[in-house]
N, C-alpha and C. Protein backbone atom coordinates (compact mmCIF):
# COMPACT_ATOMS: atom_id res chain seq x y z
N MET A 1 25.97 6.29 37.32
CA MET A 1 24.56 5.98 37.40
C MET A 1 23.80 6.63 36.24
N ARG A 2 24.15 7.86 35.95
CA ARG A 2 23.47 8.58 34.87
C ARG A 2 23.72 7.92 33.52
N GLU A 3 24.95 7.44 33.33
CA GLU A 3 25.28 6.77 32.07
C GLU A 3 24.48 5.49 31.89
N LYS A 4 24.25 4.78 32.98
CA LYS A 4 23.46 3.56 32.91
C LYS A 4 22.02 3.86 32.51
N LEU A 5 21.48 4.95 33.05
CA LEU A 5 20.11 5.34 32.70
C LEU A 5 20.01 5.75 31.24
N ILE A 6 21.01 6.47 30.75
CA ILE A 6 21.01 6.87 29.35
C ILE A 6 21.11 5.65 28.46
N ARG A 7 21.96 4.70 28.84
CA ARG A 7 22.10 3.47 28.07
C ARG A 7 20.79 2.67 28.06
N LEU A 8 20.15 2.58 29.20
CA LEU A 8 18.88 1.88 29.30
C LEU A 8 17.81 2.56 28.45
N GLN A 9 17.80 3.88 28.47
CA GLN A 9 16.84 4.63 27.66
C GLN A 9 17.07 4.36 26.17
N SER A 10 18.32 4.35 25.75
CA SER A 10 18.60 4.08 24.33
C SER A 10 18.21 2.66 23.96
N LEU A 11 18.40 1.70 24.86
CA LEU A 11 17.97 0.33 24.60
C LEU A 11 16.46 0.23 24.46
N TYR A 12 15.74 0.95 25.31
CA TYR A 12 14.27 0.98 25.20
C TYR A 12 13.82 1.58 23.88
N ILE A 13 14.47 2.65 23.47
CA ILE A 13 14.12 3.30 22.20
C ILE A 13 14.36 2.35 21.04
N ASP A 14 15.50 1.66 21.06
CA ASP A 14 15.79 0.69 20.00
C ASP A 14 14.76 -0.43 19.97
N GLN A 15 14.36 -0.90 21.16
CA GLN A 15 13.38 -1.97 21.23
C GLN A 15 12.02 -1.51 20.68
N PHE A 16 11.62 -0.29 20.99
CA PHE A 16 10.36 0.24 20.46
C PHE A 16 10.41 0.39 18.94
N LYS A 17 11.54 0.82 18.43
CA LYS A 17 11.68 0.91 16.96
C LYS A 17 11.54 -0.46 16.33
N ARG A 18 12.16 -1.46 16.93
CA ARG A 18 12.07 -2.82 16.42
C ARG A 18 10.64 -3.33 16.46
N LEU A 19 9.95 -3.09 17.56
CA LEU A 19 8.57 -3.53 17.68
C LEU A 19 7.66 -2.81 16.69
N GLN A 20 7.91 -1.53 16.47
CA GLN A 20 7.12 -0.78 15.50
C GLN A 20 7.33 -1.33 14.09
N HIS A 21 8.58 -1.67 13.78
CA HIS A 21 8.87 -2.25 12.46
C HIS A 21 8.16 -3.60 12.31
N LEU A 22 8.21 -4.44 13.33
CA LEU A 22 7.53 -5.73 13.28
C LEU A 22 6.03 -5.56 13.09
N LEU A 23 5.46 -4.61 13.80
CA LEU A 23 4.03 -4.35 13.68
C LEU A 23 3.66 -3.91 12.27
N GLN A 24 4.44 -3.03 11.70
CA GLN A 24 4.18 -2.57 10.33
C GLN A 24 4.30 -3.71 9.32
N GLU A 25 5.33 -4.55 9.49
CA GLU A 25 5.51 -5.68 8.57
C GLU A 25 4.36 -6.68 8.68
N ARG A 26 3.93 -6.97 9.89
CA ARG A 26 2.83 -7.92 10.07
C ARG A 26 1.52 -7.35 9.56
N ARG A 27 1.32 -6.05 9.72
CA ARG A 27 0.11 -5.41 9.18
C ARG A 27 0.12 -5.46 7.66
N ARG A 28 1.29 -5.19 7.07
CA ARG A 28 1.42 -5.26 5.62
C ARG A 28 1.14 -6.67 5.12
N HIS A 29 1.68 -7.65 5.81
CA HIS A 29 1.45 -9.04 5.42
C HIS A 29 -0.02 -9.42 5.57
N TYR A 30 -0.65 -8.96 6.65
CA TYR A 30 -2.07 -9.24 6.86
C TYR A 30 -2.92 -8.64 5.74
N LEU A 31 -2.66 -7.38 5.41
CA LEU A 31 -3.43 -6.73 4.36
C LEU A 31 -3.19 -7.37 3.00
N HIS A 32 -1.98 -7.83 2.79
CA HIS A 32 -1.66 -8.47 1.51
C HIS A 32 -2.40 -9.80 1.37
N CYS A 33 -2.58 -10.50 2.48
CA CYS A 33 -3.22 -11.82 2.44
C CYS A 33 -4.75 -11.74 2.45
N GLN A 34 -5.32 -10.62 2.84
CA GLN A 34 -6.77 -10.50 2.91
C GLN A 34 -7.37 -10.30 1.53
N PRO A 35 -8.44 -11.01 1.21
CA PRO A 35 -9.13 -10.74 -0.06
C PRO A 35 -9.88 -9.42 0.04
N LEU A 36 -10.11 -8.80 -1.10
CA LEU A 36 -10.79 -7.50 -1.11
C LEU A 36 -12.25 -7.63 -0.70
N THR A 37 -12.90 -8.68 -1.12
CA THR A 37 -14.28 -8.93 -0.75
C THR A 37 -14.41 -10.36 -0.26
N PRO A 38 -15.47 -10.71 0.46
CA PRO A 38 -15.63 -12.08 0.91
C PRO A 38 -15.79 -13.06 -0.25
N HIS A 39 -16.33 -12.59 -1.38
CA HIS A 39 -16.55 -13.46 -2.51
C HIS A 39 -15.32 -13.58 -3.40
N ALA A 40 -14.33 -12.72 -3.19
CA ALA A 40 -13.13 -12.77 -4.03
C ALA A 40 -12.36 -14.06 -3.76
N ALA A 41 -12.37 -14.53 -2.52
CA ALA A 41 -11.66 -15.76 -2.20
C ALA A 41 -12.32 -16.96 -2.86
N ALA A 42 -13.65 -16.92 -2.98
CA ALA A 42 -14.38 -18.02 -3.62
C ALA A 42 -14.35 -17.90 -5.14
N GLY A 43 -13.92 -16.77 -5.65
CA GLY A 43 -13.81 -16.60 -7.09
C GLY A 43 -15.08 -16.08 -7.74
N GLY A 44 -16.07 -15.69 -6.98
CA GLY A 44 -17.30 -15.22 -7.60
C GLY A 44 -17.66 -13.83 -7.18
N GLY A 45 -18.50 -13.20 -7.96
CA GLY A 45 -19.01 -11.86 -7.62
C GLY A 45 -17.98 -10.79 -7.84
N CYS A 46 -18.46 -9.55 -7.79
CA CYS A 46 -17.53 -8.44 -7.89
C CYS A 46 -17.73 -7.55 -6.67
N SER A 47 -16.99 -6.52 -6.60
CA SER A 47 -17.01 -5.65 -5.45
C SER A 47 -18.38 -4.99 -5.29
N PRO A 48 -18.86 -4.82 -4.06
CA PRO A 48 -20.15 -4.18 -3.88
C PRO A 48 -20.15 -2.72 -4.30
N VAL A 49 -18.97 -2.11 -4.32
CA VAL A 49 -18.89 -0.72 -4.76
C VAL A 49 -19.18 -0.63 -6.25
N LEU A 50 -18.86 -1.70 -6.98
CA LEU A 50 -19.03 -1.70 -8.43
C LEU A 50 -20.41 -2.19 -8.86
N GLY A 51 -21.29 -2.44 -7.91
CA GLY A 51 -22.64 -2.81 -8.28
C GLY A 51 -23.00 -4.25 -8.05
N GLY A 52 -22.08 -5.09 -7.64
CA GLY A 52 -22.39 -6.49 -7.41
C GLY A 52 -22.67 -6.80 -5.96
N GLY A 53 -23.07 -5.83 -5.18
CA GLY A 53 -23.24 -6.02 -3.75
C GLY A 53 -24.62 -6.43 -3.32
N ASP A 54 -25.50 -6.82 -4.23
CA ASP A 54 -26.85 -7.20 -3.85
C ASP A 54 -26.87 -8.47 -3.01
N SER A 55 -25.89 -9.35 -3.23
CA SER A 55 -25.88 -10.62 -2.52
C SER A 55 -25.23 -10.50 -1.14
N LEU A 56 -24.64 -9.36 -0.80
CA LEU A 56 -23.98 -9.18 0.48
C LEU A 56 -24.94 -8.65 1.52
N SER A 57 -24.78 -9.13 2.75
CA SER A 57 -25.59 -8.61 3.84
C SER A 57 -25.03 -7.26 4.27
N THR A 58 -25.75 -6.57 5.13
CA THR A 58 -25.28 -5.25 5.56
C THR A 58 -24.01 -5.37 6.39
N LYS A 59 -23.88 -6.44 7.19
CA LYS A 59 -22.67 -6.62 7.98
C LYS A 59 -21.47 -6.87 7.07
N GLU A 60 -21.65 -7.66 6.01
CA GLU A 60 -20.57 -7.91 5.07
C GLU A 60 -20.18 -6.63 4.33
N ARG A 61 -21.16 -5.81 4.00
CA ARG A 61 -20.86 -4.53 3.34
C ARG A 61 -20.03 -3.64 4.25
N VAL A 62 -20.39 -3.59 5.53
CA VAL A 62 -19.63 -2.79 6.49
C VAL A 62 -18.22 -3.33 6.61
N ASP A 63 -18.09 -4.66 6.65
CA ASP A 63 -16.76 -5.27 6.75
C ASP A 63 -15.91 -4.95 5.52
N VAL A 64 -16.52 -4.98 4.35
CA VAL A 64 -15.79 -4.67 3.12
C VAL A 64 -15.35 -3.21 3.12
N ARG A 65 -16.24 -2.33 3.56
CA ARG A 65 -15.88 -0.91 3.64
C ARG A 65 -14.71 -0.70 4.61
N LYS A 66 -14.75 -1.38 5.75
CA LYS A 66 -13.67 -1.25 6.72
C LYS A 66 -12.35 -1.78 6.15
N LEU A 67 -12.43 -2.91 5.44
CA LEU A 67 -11.23 -3.48 4.85
C LEU A 67 -10.63 -2.55 3.80
N ARG A 68 -11.47 -1.96 2.98
CA ARG A 68 -10.99 -1.01 1.97
C ARG A 68 -10.35 0.22 2.62
N ALA A 69 -10.97 0.72 3.70
CA ALA A 69 -10.41 1.87 4.40
C ALA A 69 -9.07 1.50 5.04
N LEU A 70 -8.98 0.28 5.56
CA LEU A 70 -7.75 -0.17 6.19
C LEU A 70 -6.63 -0.30 5.18
N ARG A 71 -6.96 -0.71 3.96
CA ARG A 71 -5.94 -0.85 2.92
C ARG A 71 -5.37 0.49 2.49
N ARG A 72 -6.17 1.53 2.48
CA ARG A 72 -5.64 2.82 2.02
C ARG A 72 -5.23 3.73 3.18
N TYR A 73 -5.33 3.24 4.41
CA TYR A 73 -4.93 4.02 5.58
C TYR A 73 -3.43 4.29 5.54
N ARG A 74 -3.06 5.50 5.69
CA ARG A 74 -1.67 5.97 5.68
C ARG A 74 -0.98 5.77 4.34
N LYS A 75 -1.73 5.58 3.29
CA LYS A 75 -1.14 5.43 1.97
C LYS A 75 -0.90 6.83 1.39
N ARG A 76 0.24 7.00 0.80
CA ARG A 76 0.58 8.31 0.24
C ARG A 76 0.03 8.44 -1.17
N PHE A 77 -0.46 9.64 -1.51
CA PHE A 77 -1.01 9.90 -2.83
C PHE A 77 -0.38 11.16 -3.41
N GLY A 78 -0.39 11.25 -4.72
CA GLY A 78 0.01 12.48 -5.39
C GLY A 78 1.47 12.84 -5.21
N ALA A 79 1.70 14.10 -4.95
CA ALA A 79 3.06 14.63 -4.83
C ALA A 79 3.78 14.01 -3.65
N GLU A 80 3.06 13.75 -2.58
CA GLU A 80 3.68 13.15 -1.40
C GLU A 80 4.22 11.75 -1.73
N ALA A 81 3.46 10.97 -2.50
CA ALA A 81 3.90 9.63 -2.88
C ALA A 81 5.13 9.71 -3.79
N LEU A 82 5.11 10.65 -4.72
CA LEU A 82 6.24 10.82 -5.63
C LEU A 82 7.50 11.19 -4.86
N LEU A 83 7.39 12.14 -3.95
CA LEU A 83 8.56 12.56 -3.16
C LEU A 83 9.04 11.43 -2.26
N HIS A 84 8.12 10.67 -1.69
CA HIS A 84 8.51 9.56 -0.82
C HIS A 84 9.25 8.48 -1.61
N ARG A 85 8.78 8.17 -2.81
CA ARG A 85 9.45 7.17 -3.64
C ARG A 85 10.85 7.64 -4.03
N GLN A 86 10.99 8.93 -4.36
CA GLN A 86 12.30 9.46 -4.72
C GLN A 86 13.24 9.41 -3.52
N LEU A 87 12.72 9.69 -2.33
CA LEU A 87 13.53 9.64 -1.12
C LEU A 87 14.02 8.21 -0.86
N LYS A 88 13.12 7.24 -1.04
CA LYS A 88 13.51 5.84 -0.84
C LYS A 88 14.56 5.42 -1.85
N GLU A 89 14.44 5.87 -3.10
CA GLU A 89 15.43 5.53 -4.11
C GLU A 89 16.79 6.14 -3.77
N ARG A 90 16.79 7.40 -3.33
CA ARG A 90 18.05 8.04 -2.96
C ARG A 90 18.71 7.33 -1.79
N ARG A 91 17.90 6.96 -0.79
CA ARG A 91 18.45 6.25 0.38
C ARG A 91 19.02 4.89 -0.03
N ALA A 92 18.32 4.20 -0.92
CA ALA A 92 18.80 2.89 -1.36
C ALA A 92 20.11 3.02 -2.12
N LEU A 93 20.20 4.03 -2.98
CA LEU A 93 21.43 4.24 -3.72
C LEU A 93 22.58 4.65 -2.80
N ALA A 94 22.28 5.44 -1.78
CA ALA A 94 23.32 5.89 -0.86
C ALA A 94 23.81 4.74 0.01
N SER A 95 22.91 3.86 0.41
CA SER A 95 23.31 2.78 1.31
C SER A 95 23.99 1.64 0.55
N GLU A 96 23.50 1.29 -0.63
CA GLU A 96 24.06 0.16 -1.37
C GLU A 96 24.93 0.64 -2.53
N GLY A 97 24.43 1.61 -3.27
CA GLY A 97 25.20 2.14 -4.38
C GLY A 97 25.33 1.18 -5.55
N GLY A 98 24.53 0.13 -5.59
CA GLY A 98 24.65 -0.86 -6.65
C GLY A 98 23.70 -0.58 -7.79
N ALA A 99 24.05 -1.07 -8.97
CA ALA A 99 23.20 -0.89 -10.14
C ALA A 99 21.98 -1.78 -10.07
N ALA A 100 22.09 -2.93 -9.41
CA ALA A 100 20.94 -3.83 -9.28
C ALA A 100 19.84 -3.18 -8.46
N GLN A 101 20.22 -2.46 -7.43
CA GLN A 101 19.23 -1.78 -6.59
C GLN A 101 18.51 -0.71 -7.39
N GLN A 102 19.24 0.00 -8.25
CA GLN A 102 18.63 1.05 -9.07
C GLN A 102 17.66 0.45 -10.08
N GLN A 103 18.02 -0.69 -10.67
CA GLN A 103 17.13 -1.34 -11.62
C GLN A 103 15.87 -1.82 -10.94
N GLN A 104 16.00 -2.34 -9.72
CA GLN A 104 14.83 -2.82 -8.99
C GLN A 104 13.91 -1.66 -8.64
N SER A 105 14.45 -0.52 -8.23
CA SER A 105 13.61 0.62 -7.90
C SER A 105 12.92 1.18 -9.14
N GLN A 106 13.59 1.13 -10.30
CA GLN A 106 12.96 1.59 -11.53
C GLN A 106 11.82 0.68 -11.95
N SER A 107 11.99 -0.63 -11.80
CA SER A 107 10.91 -1.55 -12.17
C SER A 107 9.73 -1.41 -11.23
N SER A 108 9.98 -1.18 -9.93
CA SER A 108 8.87 -0.98 -9.00
C SER A 108 8.19 0.36 -9.27
N ALA A 109 8.95 1.37 -9.73
CA ALA A 109 8.35 2.66 -10.04
C ALA A 109 7.44 2.52 -11.25
N ARG A 110 7.85 1.72 -12.25
CA ARG A 110 7.00 1.52 -13.41
C ARG A 110 5.72 0.79 -13.05
N ALA A 111 5.82 -0.16 -12.14
CA ALA A 111 4.63 -0.92 -11.73
C ALA A 111 3.66 -0.04 -10.95
N SER A 112 4.18 0.93 -10.21
CA SER A 112 3.31 1.78 -9.41
C SER A 112 2.67 2.89 -10.23
N GLN A 113 3.08 3.06 -11.50
CA GLN A 113 2.53 4.12 -12.32
C GLN A 113 1.41 3.60 -13.21
N ARG A 114 0.71 2.59 -12.75
CA ARG A 114 -0.43 2.05 -13.47
C ARG A 114 -1.71 2.59 -12.85
N CYS A 115 -2.77 2.62 -13.64
CA CYS A 115 -4.07 3.10 -13.19
C CYS A 115 -4.58 2.19 -12.06
N GLY A 116 -5.19 2.78 -11.05
CA GLY A 116 -5.66 2.01 -9.91
C GLY A 116 -7.13 1.69 -9.95
N ALA A 117 -7.79 1.89 -11.07
CA ALA A 117 -9.24 1.69 -11.16
C ALA A 117 -9.57 0.21 -11.34
N LEU A 118 -10.70 -0.19 -10.76
CA LEU A 118 -11.22 -1.53 -10.95
C LEU A 118 -12.42 -1.44 -11.88
N ILE A 119 -12.39 -2.19 -12.98
CA ILE A 119 -13.48 -2.18 -13.95
C ILE A 119 -13.98 -3.61 -14.05
N GLU A 120 -15.19 -3.82 -13.61
CA GLU A 120 -15.82 -5.15 -13.62
C GLU A 120 -14.94 -6.18 -12.94
N GLY A 121 -14.33 -5.80 -11.83
CA GLY A 121 -13.52 -6.72 -11.05
C GLY A 121 -12.09 -6.86 -11.55
N LEU A 122 -11.71 -6.21 -12.65
CA LEU A 122 -10.36 -6.29 -13.19
C LEU A 122 -9.67 -4.94 -13.07
N ARG A 123 -8.38 -4.98 -12.79
CA ARG A 123 -7.61 -3.74 -12.65
C ARG A 123 -7.23 -3.21 -14.02
N CYS A 124 -7.38 -1.91 -14.21
CA CYS A 124 -7.01 -1.25 -15.47
C CYS A 124 -5.49 -1.23 -15.59
N ASN A 125 -4.97 -1.57 -16.77
CA ASN A 125 -3.52 -1.62 -16.98
C ASN A 125 -2.96 -0.41 -17.71
N SER A 126 -3.77 0.60 -17.94
CA SER A 126 -3.29 1.80 -18.61
C SER A 126 -2.36 2.59 -17.69
N PRO A 127 -1.39 3.28 -18.24
CA PRO A 127 -0.51 4.09 -17.40
C PRO A 127 -1.27 5.27 -16.80
N SER A 128 -0.96 5.58 -15.55
CA SER A 128 -1.64 6.69 -14.90
C SER A 128 -0.98 8.01 -15.27
N LEU A 129 -1.72 9.08 -15.07
CA LEU A 129 -1.18 10.42 -15.31
C LEU A 129 -0.23 10.79 -14.17
N PRO A 130 0.72 11.67 -14.41
CA PRO A 130 1.63 12.08 -13.34
C PRO A 130 0.85 12.70 -12.17
N LEU A 131 1.26 12.36 -10.98
CA LEU A 131 0.66 12.84 -9.73
C LEU A 131 -0.82 12.44 -9.62
N SER A 132 -1.19 11.34 -10.23
CA SER A 132 -2.56 10.88 -10.20
C SER A 132 -2.56 9.37 -10.04
N ARG A 133 -3.68 8.82 -9.55
CA ARG A 133 -3.80 7.38 -9.39
C ARG A 133 -4.45 6.74 -10.61
N HIS A 134 -5.04 7.53 -11.50
CA HIS A 134 -5.85 6.98 -12.58
C HIS A 134 -5.35 7.45 -13.95
N CYS A 135 -5.77 6.69 -14.98
CA CYS A 135 -5.39 7.04 -16.34
C CYS A 135 -6.37 8.10 -16.88
N LEU A 136 -6.10 8.57 -18.08
CA LEU A 136 -6.89 9.64 -18.68
C LEU A 136 -8.34 9.19 -18.90
N ALA A 137 -8.52 7.94 -19.31
CA ALA A 137 -9.88 7.44 -19.59
C ALA A 137 -10.74 7.43 -18.32
N ARG A 138 -10.16 7.05 -17.17
CA ARG A 138 -10.92 7.01 -15.91
C ARG A 138 -11.24 8.42 -15.41
N ILE A 139 -10.31 9.33 -15.60
CA ILE A 139 -10.53 10.71 -15.14
C ILE A 139 -11.62 11.38 -15.96
N LEU A 140 -11.60 11.15 -17.28
CA LEU A 140 -12.60 11.77 -18.14
C LEU A 140 -13.95 11.07 -18.05
N HIS A 141 -13.98 9.83 -17.58
CA HIS A 141 -15.22 9.08 -17.45
C HIS A 141 -15.95 9.58 -16.25
């Protein structure tokens, strides 16, 4: 009887892990599909944070703020992000051990080392400083 309960408990734990993974994937997909501002989908205007928010109502401004907060919720920054990326690379190499996986992780690492600033609605393409989200020009500005 005890063994059956332990088996049932392990099945429940596995099911919760699966559901948590599905929830995270669907949240990621939802955030990826959402435009940053209501006007971004129509192709006009810039972000209200950057000064183009005169045409937005207060409710739309609140919604944009919530969406921005939701996008950066649980996002790792600085040293924590660097260590997390290195951990993921080590795990990928340990599980697959292939050269293709290493090349893919290096290309994604290069893409993530770009400045995260938005200038007039366009993302800055300058390389960011180590352990920072922004390039030297944005930090000194």
